[in-house]
Amino acid sequence: MASSKEYLDFVLEQLNGLENITYRKMMGEYILYYRGKIFGGIYDDRFFNKTC
């Protein structure tokens, strides 16, 4: 099941305090970048963040 643009917009709204967040749609899901580095993704309308 692909993630919805509405859910992506919701997550980006929650992260609006951070600058330089971009995303790329890949195979129906979204990869999130902060300052050019992957920090998370949205899969099946669920947000996952990458831990270091």
PDB file of N, CA and C in Angstrom:
ATOM      1  N   MET A   1       0.841  -1.179   0.000  1.00  0.00           N
ATOM      2  CA  MET A   1       0.000   0.000   0.000  1.00  0.00           C
ATOM      3  C   MET A   1       0.890   1.247   0.000  1.00  0.00           C
ATOM      4  N   ALA A   2       0.654   2.143  -0.888  1.00  0.00           N
ATOM      5  CA  ALA A   2       1.440   3.370  -0.988  1.00  0.00           C
ATOM      6  C   ALA A   2       1.010   4.381   0.082  1.00  0.00           C
ATOM      7  N   SER A   3       1.946   5.213   0.479  1.00  0.00           N
ATOM      8  CA  SER A   3       1.654   6.258   1.458  1.00  0.00           C
ATOM      9  C   SER A   3       0.972   7.436   0.780  1.00  0.00           C
ATOM     10  N   SER A   4       0.138   8.130   1.526  1.00  0.00           N
ATOM     11  CA  SER A   4      -0.613   9.250   0.958  1.00  0.00           C
ATOM     12  C   SER A   4       0.162  10.557   1.101  1.00  0.00           C
ATOM     13  N   LYS A   5      -0.065  11.454   0.165  1.00  0.00           N
ATOM     14  CA  LYS A   5       0.537  12.793   0.206  1.00  0.00           C
ATOM     15  C   LYS A   5       0.026  13.557   1.422  1.00  0.00           C
ATOM     16  N   GLU A   6      -1.211  13.304   1.830  1.00  0.00           N
ATOM     17  CA  GLU A   6      -1.783  13.977   2.992  1.00  0.00           C
ATOM     18  C   GLU A   6      -1.015  13.623   4.263  1.00  0.00           C
ATOM     19  N   TYR A   7      -0.633  12.345   4.399  1.00  0.00           N
ATOM     20  CA  TYR A   7       0.126  11.952   5.586  1.00  0.00           C
ATOM     21  C   TYR A   7       1.526  12.567   5.550  1.00  0.00           C
ATOM     22  N   LEU A   8       2.142  12.611   4.383  1.00  0.00           N
ATOM     23  CA  LEU A   8       3.436  13.280   4.251  1.00  0.00           C
ATOM     24  C   LEU A   8       3.326  14.735   4.683  1.00  0.00           C
ATOM     25  N   ASP A   9       2.293  15.436   4.222  1.00  0.00           N
ATOM     26  CA  ASP A   9       2.088  16.832   4.606  1.00  0.00           C
ATOM     27  C   ASP A   9       1.924  16.971   6.116  1.00  0.00           C
ATOM     28  N   PHE A  10       1.218  16.037   6.739  1.00  0.00           N
ATOM     29  CA  PHE A  10       1.027  16.050   8.188  1.00  0.00           C
ATOM     30  C   PHE A  10       2.368  15.920   8.908  1.00  0.00           C
ATOM     31  N   VAL A  11       3.195  14.973   8.489  1.00  0.00           N
ATOM     32  CA  VAL A  11       4.503  14.761   9.128  1.00  0.00           C
ATOM     33  C   VAL A  11       5.380  15.984   8.931  1.00  0.00           C
ATOM     34  N   LEU A  12       5.407  16.536   7.730  1.00  0.00           N
ATOM     35  CA  LEU A  12       6.228  17.717   7.474  1.00  0.00           C
ATOM     36  C   LEU A  12       5.760  18.908   8.302  1.00  0.00           C
ATOM     37  N   GLU A  13       4.462  18.994   8.542  1.00  0.00           N
ATOM     38  CA  GLU A  13       3.935  20.065   9.395  1.00  0.00           C
ATOM     39  C   GLU A  13       4.423  19.899  10.831  1.00  0.00           C
ATOM     40  N   GLN A  14       4.501  18.667  11.309  1.00  0.00           N
ATOM     41  CA  GLN A  14       4.986  18.407  12.658  1.00  0.00           C
ATOM     42  C   GLN A  14       6.479  18.734  12.795  1.00  0.00           C
ATOM     43  N   LEU A  15       7.209  18.629  11.687  1.00  0.00           N
ATOM     44  CA  LEU A  15       8.653  18.874  11.692  1.00  0.00           C
ATOM     45  C   LEU A  15       9.002  20.279  11.203  1.00  0.00           C
ATOM     46  N   ASN A  16       8.039  21.181  11.189  1.00  0.00           N
ATOM     47  CA  ASN A  16       8.251  22.496  10.593  1.00  0.00           C
ATOM     48  C   ASN A  16       9.280  23.344  11.334  1.00  0.00           C
ATOM     49  N   GLY A  17       9.684  22.973  12.531  1.00  0.00           N
ATOM     50  CA  GLY A  17      10.710  23.709  13.239  1.00  0.00           C
ATOM     51  C   GLY A  17      12.108  23.463  12.686  1.00  0.00           C
ATOM     52  N   LEU A  18      12.259  22.404  11.925  1.00  0.00           N
ATOM     53  CA  LEU A  18      13.541  22.084  11.306  1.00  0.00           C
ATOM     54  C   LEU A  18      13.577  22.656   9.899  1.00  0.00           C
ATOM     55  N   GLU A  19      14.690  23.267   9.565  1.00  0.00           N
ATOM     56  CA  GLU A  19      14.848  23.787   8.210  1.00  0.00           C
ATOM     57  C   GLU A  19      15.555  22.746   7.346  1.00  0.00           C
ATOM     58  N   ASN A  20      15.470  22.926   6.057  1.00  0.00           N
ATOM     59  CA  ASN A  20      16.183  22.088   5.085  1.00  0.00           C
ATOM     60  C   ASN A  20      15.707  20.642   5.053  1.00  0.00           C
ATOM     61  N   ILE A  21      14.435  20.395   5.334  1.00  0.00           N
ATOM     62  CA  ILE A  21      13.897  19.047   5.189  1.00  0.00           C
ATOM     63  C   ILE A  21      13.369  18.902   3.769  1.00  0.00           C
ATOM     64  N   THR A  22      13.810  17.854   3.116  1.00  0.00           N
ATOM     65  CA  THR A  22      13.333  17.540   1.774  1.00  0.00           C
ATOM     66  C   THR A  22      12.862  16.092   1.768  1.00  0.00           C
ATOM     67  N   TYR A  23      12.217  15.712   0.696  1.00  0.00           N
ATOM     68  CA  TYR A  23      11.757  14.329   0.584  1.00  0.00           C
ATOM     69  C   TYR A  23      11.833  13.896  -0.863  1.00  0.00           C
ATOM     70  N   ARG A  24      11.828  12.599  -1.042  1.00  0.00           N
ATOM     71  CA  ARG A  24      11.825  12.014  -2.373  1.00  0.00           C
ATOM     72  C   ARG A  24      10.856  10.836  -2.363  1.00  0.00           C
ATOM     73  N   LYS A  25      10.001  10.795  -3.350  1.00  0.00           N
ATOM     74  CA  LYS A  25       9.056   9.688  -3.459  1.00  0.00           C
ATOM     75  C   LYS A  25       9.743   8.533  -4.172  1.00  0.00           C
ATOM     76  N   MET A  26       9.678   7.364  -3.552  1.00  0.00           N
ATOM     77  CA  MET A  26      10.299   6.175  -4.129  1.00  0.00           C
ATOM     78  C   MET A  26       9.356   4.990  -3.980  1.00  0.00           C
ATOM     79  N   MET A  27       8.899   4.484  -5.097  1.00  0.00           N
ATOM     80  CA  MET A  27       8.035   3.299  -5.146  1.00  0.00           C
ATOM     81  C   MET A  27       6.808   3.447  -4.247  1.00  0.00           C
ATOM     82  N   GLY A  28       6.208   4.624  -4.235  1.00  0.00           N
ATOM     83  CA  GLY A  28       4.984   4.853  -3.483  1.00  0.00           C
ATOM     84  C   GLY A  28       5.188   5.260  -2.035  1.00  0.00           C
ATOM     85  N   GLU A  29       6.433   5.297  -1.593  1.00  0.00           N
ATOM     86  CA  GLU A  29       6.753   5.687  -0.225  1.00  0.00           C
ATOM     87  C   GLU A  29       7.623   6.943  -0.279  1.00  0.00           C
ATOM     88  N   TYR A  30       7.967   7.515   0.875  1.00  0.00           N
ATOM     89  CA  TYR A  30       8.739   8.751   0.914  1.00  0.00           C
ATOM     90  C   TYR A  30       9.970   8.583   1.792  1.00  0.00           C
ATOM     91  N   ILE A  31      11.107   9.043   1.280  1.00  0.00           N
ATOM     92  CA  ILE A  31      12.347   9.087   2.031  1.00  0.00           C
ATOM     93  C   ILE A  31      12.537  10.531   2.463  1.00  0.00           C
ATOM     94  N   LEU A  32      12.833  10.766   3.745  1.00  0.00           N
ATOM     95  CA  LEU A  32      12.997  12.117   4.271  1.00  0.00           C
ATOM     96  C   LEU A  32      14.470  12.421   4.505  1.00  0.00           C
ATOM     97  N   TYR A  33      14.873  13.633   4.126  1.00  0.00           N
ATOM     98  CA  TYR A  33      16.258  14.080   4.245  1.00  0.00           C
ATOM     99  C   TYR A  33      16.322  15.337   5.094  1.00  0.00           C
ATOM    100  N   TYR A  34      17.338  15.423   5.921  1.00  0.00           N
ATOM    101  CA  TYR A  34      17.622  16.637   6.680  1.00  0.00           C
ATOM    102  C   TYR A  34      19.037  17.060   6.321  1.00  0.00           C
ATOM    103  N   ARG A  35      19.138  18.231   5.719  1.00  0.00           N
ATOM    104  CA  ARG A  35      20.427  18.752   5.240  1.00  0.00           C
ATOM    105  C   ARG A  35      21.135  17.757   4.341  1.00  0.00           C
ATOM    106  N   GLY A  36      20.368  17.079   3.499  1.00  0.00           N
ATOM    107  CA  GLY A  36      20.937  16.175   2.509  1.00  0.00           C
ATOM    108  C   GLY A  36      21.200  14.757   2.980  1.00  0.00           C
ATOM    109  N   LYS A  37      20.951  14.462   4.260  1.00  0.00           N
ATOM    110  CA  LYS A  37      21.172  13.116   4.783  1.00  0.00           C
ATOM    111  C   LYS A  37      19.845  12.476   5.157  1.00  0.00           C
ATOM    112  N   ILE A  38      19.730  11.201   4.880  1.00  0.00           N
ATOM    113  CA  ILE A  38      18.496  10.473   5.217  1.00  0.00           C
ATOM    114  C   ILE A  38      18.344  10.410   6.729  1.00  0.00           C
ATOM    115  N   PHE A  39      17.154  10.795   7.207  1.00  0.00           N
ATOM    116  CA  PHE A  39      16.895  10.669   8.640  1.00  0.00           C
ATOM    117  C   PHE A  39      15.634   9.878   8.927  1.00  0.00           C
ATOM    118  N   GLY A  40      14.876   9.541   7.914  1.00  0.00           N
ATOM    119  CA  GLY A  40      13.661   8.761   8.143  1.00  0.00           C
ATOM    120  C   GLY A  40      12.900   8.528   6.859  1.00  0.00           C
ATOM    121  N   GLY A  41      11.730   7.953   7.035  1.00  0.00           N
ATOM    122  CA  GLY A  41      10.891   7.674   5.886  1.00  0.00           C
ATOM    123  C   GLY A  41       9.454   7.447   6.301  1.00  0.00           C
ATOM    124  N   ILE A  42       8.581   7.466   5.312  1.00  0.00           N
ATOM    125  CA  ILE A  42       7.165   7.185   5.526  1.00  0.00           C
ATOM    126  C   ILE A  42       6.827   5.965   4.680  1.00  0.00           C
ATOM    127  N   TYR A  43       6.375   4.926   5.357  1.00  0.00           N
ATOM    128  CA  TYR A  43       6.048   3.662   4.725  1.00  0.00           C
ATOM    129  C   TYR A  43       4.664   3.229   5.205  1.00  0.00           C
ATOM    130  N   ASP A  44       3.769   2.974   4.265  1.00  0.00           N
ATOM    131  CA  ASP A  44       2.390   2.573   4.594  1.00  0.00           C
ATOM    132  C   ASP A  44       1.748   3.548   5.576  1.00  0.00           C
ATOM    133  N   ASP A  45       1.946   4.847   5.334  1.00  0.00           N
ATOM    134  CA  ASP A  45       1.400   5.914   6.174  1.00  0.00           C
ATOM    135  C   ASP A  45       1.844   5.800   7.631  1.00  0.00           C
ATOM    136  N   ARG A  46       3.091   5.371   7.831  1.00  0.00           N
ATOM    137  CA  ARG A  46       3.710   5.353   9.153  1.00  0.00           C
ATOM    138  C   ARG A  46       5.069   6.025   9.039  1.00  0.00           C
ATOM    139  N   PHE A  47       5.411   6.846  10.015  1.00  0.00           N
ATOM    140  CA  PHE A  47       6.687   7.559  10.024  1.00  0.00           C
ATOM    141  C   PHE A  47       7.713   6.772  10.810  1.00  0.00           C
ATOM    142  N   PHE A  48       8.875   6.555  10.205  1.00  0.00           N
ATOM    143  CA  PHE A  48       9.984   5.895  10.864  1.00  0.00           C
ATOM    144  C   PHE A  48      11.175   6.833  10.827  1.00  0.00           C
ATOM    145  N   ASN A  49      11.905   6.924  11.943  1.00  0.00           N
ATOM    146  CA  ASN A  49      13.115   7.725  11.943  1.00  0.00           C
ATOM    147  C   ASN A  49      14.333   6.841  12.128  1.00  0.00           C
ATOM    148  N   LYS A  50      15.427   7.281  11.554  1.00  0.00           N
ATOM    149  CA  LYS A  50      16.683   6.554  11.614  1.00  0.00           C
ATOM    150  C   LYS A  50      17.417   6.956  12.880  1.00  0.00           C
ATOM    151  N   THR A  51      17.886   5.992  13.641  1.00  0.00           N
ATOM    152  CA  THR A  51      18.663   6.297  14.829  1.00  0.00           C
ATOM    153  C   THR A  51      20.141   6.107  14.514  1.00  0.00           C
ATOM    154  N   CYS A  52      20.957   6.872  15.168  1.00  0.00           N
ATOM    155  CA  CYS A  52      22.415   6.804  14.931  1.00  0.00           C
ATOM    156  C   CYS A  52      23.064   5.835  15.877  1.00  0.00           C
TER     157      CYS A  52
END
